Amino acid sequence: MTKQLRNPMRPRGRQERRGAILILTALLALPLLGMVAFAVDYGYLLKVRCDLQRSADCTALAGVQSLTPDPSGFQDLAAVRAAVRDYATRNFDSSFNVLDSDIQIGRYDPAGIYANVTLLNTGIFDTVRVTLRRDSQANSPVSLFFSRVIGTSSADVVATGTAALQKGRFLGPGANVLPFAVPKLEWDATNTGDTWTIYGDGQMTDGSGNTVPGNWGTLDIGSQSNSTSDLGDQIVNGLDQTDLDALLQDGRIPSDLYIDAQDPTWLQADTGISIGLRQYVQQVHGENRIIPLYEAVVGENGNNLEFRITGWGVVKVIDSQWHGAHGTYIEVQKSYIYDGSLRPHPSLNNSANVIAGAFTSPVLIE
């Protein structure tokens, strides 16, 4: 019987293949580990950056709303920076630091708003740019997980948000109005911070006591022959949708969605300043309101007058007294306002067809 001889080379070949696989696995382990580290840590960094960017955007939007100037044009930039830091710490924790150099405040250049946003250091500021960082400069870099194996323990993450106050143009429901008429010619000749005294008999005097030409009277920004309570509600709470509906129905505006501040509008006058408005006007002492400016008047005196409104302005109600027709007066000051009920001009690069001094909801611009 022939005896089968065992091939001594077969087990040895299997062992060599197993050894090769082990060596190959060992060689690939480090790159594979690096890929896993990259995938995990890269995803984590994307989340951190997304959170930081969202916070930078929201912080810029929060800070820019503190830029509304006072009647003299002064803007409290320290309050803007404080608002930025307060919002940032609310998003993270009380130890989160926003550097002074990372809070930029200025006026955006309309010419480059849709291409290269440039902040100007002149005029009334309307823009806040905020940079939030986690790097060696502030808040320390972001610690990584698996990348430590390949010698990378942390990474820098920086995000920037820029927000601007839009310029108001359209008066919709809720817009803070003062339903009195001011001569546009005189308005254009005054400076921000100037004051007027308006008397119940329809006369106006400037800050020096000189009589201002023209009439001052209450207006029906809504249905004709508004009641005192209707006017008072507008003074305290702003325009109502029923006011716009009435103007549209009367053919005075083309849409019941808003009053376009740049479209001439004829509004009917009421008679003088009623003593019944006292309780309403006194409620808004120290507050800012938007008033209509007229260029022409037609009709007879009293509530038969029609004012041709060709613009709107912003005043601060300083004081008022109520003692008969000649002893009743309201003192106002040319000012600025932030009113979120206003609708903005659709183009940020158009700075002409807006209500001067009226700012509305902020928008991210980069």
Protein backbone atom coordinates (compact mmCIF):
# COMPACT_ATOMS: atom_id res chain seq x y z
CA MET A 1 0.00 0.00 0.00
CA THR A 2 1.38 3.36 -1.04
CA LYS A 3 1.83 5.81 1.86
CA GLN A 4 0.63 9.42 1.43
CA LEU A 5 3.32 11.93 2.22
CA ARG A 6 2.23 15.20 3.92
CA ASN A 7 3.25 18.47 2.19
CA PRO A 8 5.12 20.39 4.85
CA MET A 9 4.77 23.65 2.88
CA ARG A 10 0.94 24.07 3.10
CA PRO A 11 0.61 25.09 6.77
CA ARG A 12 3.56 27.34 6.41
CA GLY A 13 1.85 29.21 3.49
CA ARG A 14 -1.29 29.77 5.50
CA GLN A 15 0.72 31.15 8.37
CA GLU A 16 2.55 33.50 6.02
CA ARG A 17 -0.75 34.80 4.61
CA ARG A 18 -2.11 35.34 8.08
CA GLY A 19 1.05 37.22 8.96
CA ALA A 20 0.76 39.40 5.86
CA ILE A 21 -2.81 40.34 6.73
CA LEU A 22 -1.78 41.24 10.26
CA ILE A 23 1.03 43.38 8.94
CA LEU A 24 -1.28 45.05 6.40
CA THR A 25 -3.90 45.67 9.10
CA ALA A 26 -1.26 47.17 11.34
CA LEU A 27 -0.06 49.41 8.51
CA LEU A 28 -3.58 50.57 7.71
CA ALA A 29 -4.69 51.02 11.32
CA LEU A 30 -3.10 54.43 11.72
CA PRO A 31 -4.58 55.92 8.53
CA LEU A 32 -7.96 54.39 9.34
CA LEU A 33 -7.79 55.80 12.83
CA GLY A 34 -6.84 59.16 11.35
CA MET A 35 -9.84 59.04 9.02
CA VAL A 36 -12.17 58.22 11.90
CA ALA A 37 -10.63 61.01 13.96
CA PHE A 38 -11.01 63.43 11.07
CA ALA A 39 -14.65 62.46 10.45
CA VAL A 40 -15.72 62.68 14.10
CA ASP A 41 -13.80 65.83 14.95
CA TYR A 42 -14.66 67.54 11.66
CA GLY A 43 -18.36 66.94 12.30
CA TYR A 44 -17.98 68.29 15.81
CA LEU A 45 -16.18 71.39 14.55
CA LEU A 46 -18.93 71.98 11.99
CA LYS A 47 -21.51 71.93 14.78
CA VAL A 48 -19.44 74.29 16.94
CA ARG A 49 -18.98 76.63 14.02
CA CYS A 50 -22.69 76.53 13.15
CA ASP A 51 -23.59 77.35 16.77
CA LEU A 52 -21.02 80.15 16.87
CA GLN A 53 -22.24 81.61 13.57
CA ARG A 54 -25.86 81.53 14.66
CA SER A 55 -24.91 83.26 17.91
CA ALA A 56 -22.84 85.87 16.06
CA ASP A 57 -25.79 86.66 13.79
CA CYS A 58 -28.27 86.86 16.66
CA THR A 59 -25.88 88.92 18.78
CA ALA A 60 -25.38 91.46 15.96
CA LEU A 61 -29.16 91.69 15.49
CA ALA A 62 -29.64 92.25 19.22
CA GLY A 63 -26.89 94.86 19.50
CA VAL A 64 -27.89 96.96 16.50
CA GLN A 65 -31.31 97.69 18.00
CA SER A 66 -29.59 99.79 20.68
CA LEU A 67 -28.23 102.18 18.05
CA THR A 68 -31.30 104.44 17.85
CA PRO A 69 -29.99 107.99 18.46
CA ASP A 70 -31.42 110.47 20.95
CA PRO A 71 -32.89 113.75 19.62
CA SER A 72 -29.44 115.35 19.46
CA GLY A 73 -28.10 112.49 17.35
CA PHE A 74 -26.03 110.97 20.18
CA GLN A 75 -25.67 107.20 20.06
CA ASP A 76 -24.67 105.29 23.17
CA LEU A 77 -22.07 102.93 21.74
CA ALA A 78 -21.24 101.62 25.22
CA ALA A 79 -24.85 100.45 25.51
CA VAL A 80 -24.53 98.69 22.14
CA ARG A 81 -21.41 96.84 23.28
CA ALA A 82 -23.10 95.94 26.56
CA ALA A 83 -26.09 94.53 24.66
CA VAL A 84 -23.77 92.48 22.45
CA ARG A 85 -21.93 91.00 25.43
CA ASP A 86 -25.14 90.35 27.36
CA TYR A 87 -26.65 88.42 24.47
CA ALA A 88 -23.44 86.48 23.86
CA THR A 89 -23.20 85.34 27.48
CA ARG A 90 -26.85 84.31 27.42
CA ASN A 91 -26.07 82.06 24.46
CA PHE A 92 -23.01 80.53 26.09
CA ASP A 93 -22.12 81.30 29.70
CA SER A 94 -21.10 84.24 31.86
CA SER A 95 -17.40 83.62 31.17
CA PHE A 96 -17.72 83.98 27.38
CA ASN A 97 -15.60 86.93 26.26
CA VAL A 98 -16.22 89.25 23.30
CA LEU A 99 -13.19 91.42 22.58
CA ASP A 100 -13.59 95.17 22.10
CA SER A 101 -11.96 94.86 18.69
CA ASP A 102 -14.54 92.24 17.71
CA ILE A 103 -17.44 94.69 18.06
CA GLN A 104 -17.42 97.08 15.10
CA ILE A 105 -20.02 99.85 14.88
CA GLY A 106 -20.51 102.16 11.91
CA ARG A 107 -22.70 103.20 9.00
CA TYR A 108 -22.88 100.90 6.01
CA ASP A 109 -21.97 102.34 2.64
CA PRO A 110 -25.11 102.00 0.45
CA ALA A 111 -22.98 101.86 -2.70
CA GLY A 112 -21.38 98.56 -1.70
CA ILE A 113 -24.07 96.96 0.42
CA TYR A 114 -24.67 94.09 -2.01
CA ALA A 115 -21.02 93.51 -2.92
CA ASN A 116 -18.47 94.44 -0.30
CA VAL A 117 -19.93 95.74 2.97
CA THR A 118 -17.89 98.70 4.18
CA LEU A 119 -18.50 100.42 7.53
CA LEU A 120 -18.11 104.19 7.51
CA ASN A 121 -17.22 106.17 10.60
CA THR A 122 -19.37 109.18 9.75
CA GLY A 123 -23.02 110.14 10.11
CA ILE A 124 -25.61 108.19 12.07
CA PHE A 125 -24.42 104.65 12.68
CA ASP A 126 -26.78 101.86 11.64
CA THR A 127 -24.63 98.72 11.53
CA VAL A 128 -23.01 96.36 14.04
CA ARG A 129 -20.50 93.68 13.09
CA VAL A 130 -19.75 91.06 15.77
CA THR A 131 -17.01 88.45 15.73
CA LEU A 132 -17.26 85.55 18.17
CA ARG A 133 -14.19 83.43 18.59
CA ARG A 134 -12.91 80.32 20.27
CA ASP A 135 -9.19 80.56 19.71
CA SER A 136 -6.02 81.68 21.45
CA GLN A 137 -7.29 85.27 21.60
CA ALA A 138 -10.52 84.56 23.48
CA ASN A 139 -12.44 81.66 25.03
CA SER A 140 -9.67 79.12 24.15
CA PRO A 141 -9.63 76.82 21.08
CA VAL A 142 -12.10 73.97 20.69
CA SER A 143 -10.84 70.72 22.24
CA LEU A 144 -10.89 67.72 19.90
CA PHE A 145 -11.38 64.03 20.61
CA PHE A 146 -9.67 61.41 18.42
CA SER A 147 -7.40 63.86 16.61
CA ARG A 148 -5.18 63.92 19.68
CA VAL A 149 -3.87 60.57 18.50
CA ILE A 150 -2.36 62.24 15.44
CA GLY A 151 -1.04 65.21 17.38
CA THR A 152 -3.92 67.72 17.01
CA SER A 153 -5.61 68.45 20.31
CA SER A 154 -7.60 71.61 19.46
CA ALA A 155 -8.75 73.89 16.63
CA ASP A 156 -9.67 77.58 16.25
CA VAL A 157 -13.26 78.49 15.34
CA VAL A 158 -14.28 82.07 14.46
CA ALA A 159 -17.62 83.42 13.19
CA THR A 160 -18.74 86.93 12.19
CA GLY A 161 -22.25 88.37 11.89
CA THR A 162 -23.21 91.82 10.57
CA ALA A 163 -26.62 93.41 11.06
CA ALA A 164 -28.00 96.79 9.95
CA LEU A 165 -31.07 98.79 10.87
CA GLN A 166 -33.32 99.17 7.87
CA LYS A 167 -34.78 102.58 7.00
CA GLY A 168 -38.54 102.88 7.42
CA ARG A 169 -40.72 103.82 4.45
CA PHE A 170 -44.17 102.21 4.75
CA LEU A 171 -46.51 102.85 7.69
CA GLY A 172 -48.53 99.76 8.46
CA PRO A 173 -50.75 98.76 11.38
CA GLY A 174 -49.07 99.61 14.69
CA ALA A 175 -46.90 102.41 13.27
CA ASN A 176 -46.40 105.01 16.01
CA VAL A 177 -47.93 108.19 14.64
CA LEU A 178 -48.83 111.61 15.97
CA PRO A 179 -51.85 112.65 13.84
CA PHE A 180 -50.95 116.34 13.51
CA ALA A 181 -49.69 118.25 10.47
CA VAL A 182 -46.40 120.17 10.25
CA PRO A 183 -45.35 122.41 7.31
CA LYS A 184 -42.71 120.51 5.36
CA LEU A 185 -40.94 123.73 4.37
CA GLU A 186 -40.36 124.61 8.01
CA TRP A 187 -39.48 121.03 8.87
CA ASP A 188 -36.74 120.95 6.24
CA ALA A 189 -35.30 124.21 7.62
CA THR A 190 -34.81 122.79 11.13
CA ASN A 191 -32.10 120.63 12.61
CA THR A 192 -32.36 117.45 14.63
CA GLY A 193 -32.85 118.46 18.25
CA ASP A 194 -34.76 121.67 17.44
CA THR A 195 -38.05 122.16 19.30
CA TRP A 196 -41.44 123.70 18.47
CA THR A 197 -44.38 124.77 20.55
CA ILE A 198 -47.71 124.08 18.91
CA TYR A 199 -50.75 125.91 20.27
CA GLY A 200 -54.34 124.81 20.34
CA ASP A 201 -55.39 127.70 18.09
CA GLY A 202 -53.34 126.27 15.21
CA GLN A 203 -50.30 128.52 15.64
CA MET A 204 -46.70 127.30 15.88
CA THR A 205 -43.61 128.95 17.38
CA ASP A 206 -40.03 127.84 17.07
CA GLY A 207 -37.53 127.39 19.89
CA SER A 208 -36.91 131.16 19.98
CA GLY A 209 -40.60 131.99 20.25
CA ASN A 210 -40.96 133.15 16.65
CA THR A 211 -44.23 132.38 14.88
CA VAL A 212 -43.89 129.64 12.27
CA PRO A 213 -45.98 130.23 9.11
CA GLY A 214 -48.72 127.75 8.34
CA ASN A 215 -51.29 125.79 10.31
CA TRP A 216 -50.98 123.06 12.85
CA GLY A 217 -53.96 120.78 13.13
CA THR A 218 -55.04 117.27 13.91
CA LEU A 219 -55.55 114.96 10.92
CA ASP A 220 -57.89 112.13 10.10
CA ILE A 221 -55.42 109.37 9.24
CA GLY A 222 -58.31 107.03 8.67
CA SER A 223 -62.02 107.63 8.39
CA GLN A 224 -63.20 111.21 7.90
CA SER A 225 -64.18 113.10 11.04
CA ASN A 226 -62.36 110.78 13.42
CA SER A 227 -63.57 111.00 16.99
CA THR A 228 -61.31 112.19 19.79
CA SER A 229 -60.99 108.61 21.02
CA ASP A 230 -59.91 107.49 17.51
CA LEU A 231 -57.19 110.16 17.44
CA GLY A 232 -56.17 109.28 20.99
CA ASP A 233 -55.87 105.60 20.10
CA GLN A 234 -53.56 106.50 17.22
CA ILE A 235 -51.42 108.66 19.51
CA VAL A 236 -51.03 105.93 22.13
CA ASN A 237 -51.17 102.71 20.09
CA GLY A 238 -50.42 103.76 16.51
CA LEU A 239 -52.32 103.08 13.31
CA ASP A 240 -54.98 100.39 13.16
CA GLN A 241 -55.93 98.24 10.19
CA THR A 242 -59.34 99.94 10.14
CA ASP A 243 -57.56 103.25 9.54
CA LEU A 244 -55.89 101.90 6.43
CA ASP A 245 -59.12 100.29 5.26
CA ALA A 246 -60.90 103.64 5.56
CA LEU A 247 -58.16 105.50 3.64
CA LEU A 248 -58.35 102.95 0.84
CA GLN A 249 -62.13 103.07 0.70
CA ASP A 250 -61.97 106.88 0.49
CA GLY A 251 -59.47 106.66 -2.38
CA ARG A 252 -56.65 108.32 -0.46
CA ILE A 253 -54.15 105.43 -0.65
CA PRO A 254 -53.82 102.65 -3.27
CA SER A 255 -53.45 99.77 -0.79
CA ASP A 256 -54.81 98.94 2.66
CA LEU A 257 -51.52 97.29 3.59
CA TYR A 258 -49.64 100.50 4.34
CA ILE A 259 -49.18 104.22 3.71
CA ASP A 260 -46.21 104.85 1.44
CA ALA A 261 -44.34 107.74 3.03
CA GLN A 262 -43.07 108.81 -0.39
CA ASP A 263 -46.48 108.98 -2.09
CA PRO A 264 -48.34 112.30 -1.72
CA THR A 265 -51.57 111.75 0.23
CA TRP A 266 -54.50 114.11 0.91
CA LEU A 267 -55.73 113.90 4.51
CA GLN A 268 -58.70 115.69 6.04
CA ALA A 269 -58.18 118.01 9.01
CA ASP A 270 -59.96 118.10 12.33
CA THR A 271 -60.61 121.38 14.17
CA GLY A 272 -57.68 122.55 16.32
CA ILE A 273 -56.36 120.51 19.21
CA SER A 274 -59.20 119.21 21.33
CA ILE A 275 -58.83 119.34 25.11
CA GLY A 276 -60.05 115.75 25.00
CA LEU A 277 -56.65 114.69 23.63
CA ARG A 278 -54.91 115.66 26.86
CA GLN A 279 -55.04 112.22 28.47
CA TYR A 280 -53.61 110.62 25.33
CA VAL A 281 -50.83 113.12 24.64
CA GLN A 282 -49.72 113.08 28.26
CA GLN A 283 -49.29 109.31 28.05
CA VAL A 284 -46.61 109.71 25.35
CA HIS A 285 -44.54 112.47 26.97
CA GLY A 286 -40.92 111.50 26.38
CA GLU A 287 -41.81 109.12 23.54
CA ASN A 288 -41.09 109.40 19.83
CA ARG A 289 -43.74 109.53 17.13
CA ILE A 290 -43.95 109.86 13.32
CA ILE A 291 -45.83 112.92 12.07
CA PRO A 292 -47.11 113.89 8.60
CA LEU A 293 -45.54 116.83 6.76
CA TYR A 294 -47.65 118.89 4.37
CA GLU A 295 -46.86 121.14 1.42
CA ALA A 296 -50.31 122.48 0.59
CA VAL A 297 -53.71 123.13 2.16
CA VAL A 298 -57.04 123.48 0.36
CA GLY A 299 -60.52 124.27 1.59
CA GLU A 300 -61.87 126.35 4.42
CA ASN A 301 -60.88 126.40 8.07
CA GLY A 302 -61.68 123.63 10.50
CA ASN A 303 -62.53 120.12 9.44
CA ASN A 304 -63.12 121.20 5.83
CA LEU A 305 -59.38 121.61 5.30
CA GLU A 306 -57.42 119.09 3.26
CA PHE A 307 -53.67 118.72 3.79
CA ARG A 308 -51.46 117.42 1.00
CA ILE A 309 -48.98 115.19 2.86
CA THR A 310 -45.69 114.79 1.00
CA GLY A 311 -43.48 113.38 3.71
CA TRP A 312 -43.21 112.15 7.28
CA GLY A 313 -40.87 113.11 10.10
CA VAL A 314 -39.95 111.98 13.60
CA VAL A 315 -40.55 114.00 16.77
CA LYS A 316 -40.20 113.44 20.48
CA VAL A 317 -43.14 114.67 22.56
CA ILE A 318 -41.49 116.85 25.20
CA ASP A 319 -44.40 118.38 27.12
CA SER A 320 -47.97 119.65 26.85
CA GLN A 321 -50.30 122.07 28.66
CA TRP A 322 -54.10 122.18 28.43
CA HIS A 323 -55.76 125.48 29.35
CA GLY A 324 -58.23 126.56 26.66
CA ALA A 325 -57.51 127.30 23.00
CA HIS A 326 -54.73 129.85 23.68
CA GLY A 327 -53.29 128.11 26.73
CA THR A 328 -53.11 124.67 25.17
CA TYR A 329 -49.85 123.69 23.55
CA ILE A 330 -47.69 120.69 22.74
CA GLU A 331 -43.91 120.92 22.69
CA VAL A 332 -42.10 118.55 20.32
CA GLN A 333 -38.51 118.01 19.26
CA LYS A 334 -37.12 116.78 15.94
CA SER A 335 -35.78 113.33 16.71
CA TYR A 336 -35.20 109.69 15.68
CA ILE A 337 -37.23 106.54 16.21
CA TYR A 338 -36.94 102.76 16.12
CA ASP A 339 -40.34 101.37 15.15
CA GLY A 340 -40.59 97.71 14.27
CA SER A 341 -44.07 98.24 12.79
CA LEU A 342 -42.64 100.24 9.90
CA ARG A 343 -41.90 98.41 6.69
CA PRO A 344 -38.46 99.08 5.23
CA HIS A 345 -37.52 100.29 1.81
CA PRO A 346 -36.92 97.10 -0.21
CA SER A 347 -33.44 98.22 -1.32
CA LEU A 348 -30.74 98.85 1.27
CA ASN A 349 -28.79 100.92 -1.24
CA ASN A 350 -31.62 103.46 -1.50
CA SER A 351 -31.20 106.03 1.26
CA ALA A 352 -33.38 108.76 -0.31
CA ASN A 353 -36.95 107.42 -0.45
CA VAL A 354 -37.28 106.75 3.28
CA ILE A 355 -38.57 108.48 6.42
CA ALA A 356 -35.58 110.45 7.65
CA GLY A 357 -34.63 109.36 11.14
CA ALA A 358 -37.00 106.37 11.22
CA PHE A 359 -35.39 102.97 11.66
CA THR A 360 -37.12 99.62 11.63
CA SER A 361 -36.38 95.90 11.95
CA PRO A 362 -32.72 94.93 11.54
CA VAL A 363 -31.46 92.61 8.82
CA LEU A 364 -28.33 90.51 8.37
CA ILE A 365 -26.21 91.88 5.56
CA GLU A 366 -23.29 89.45 5.41
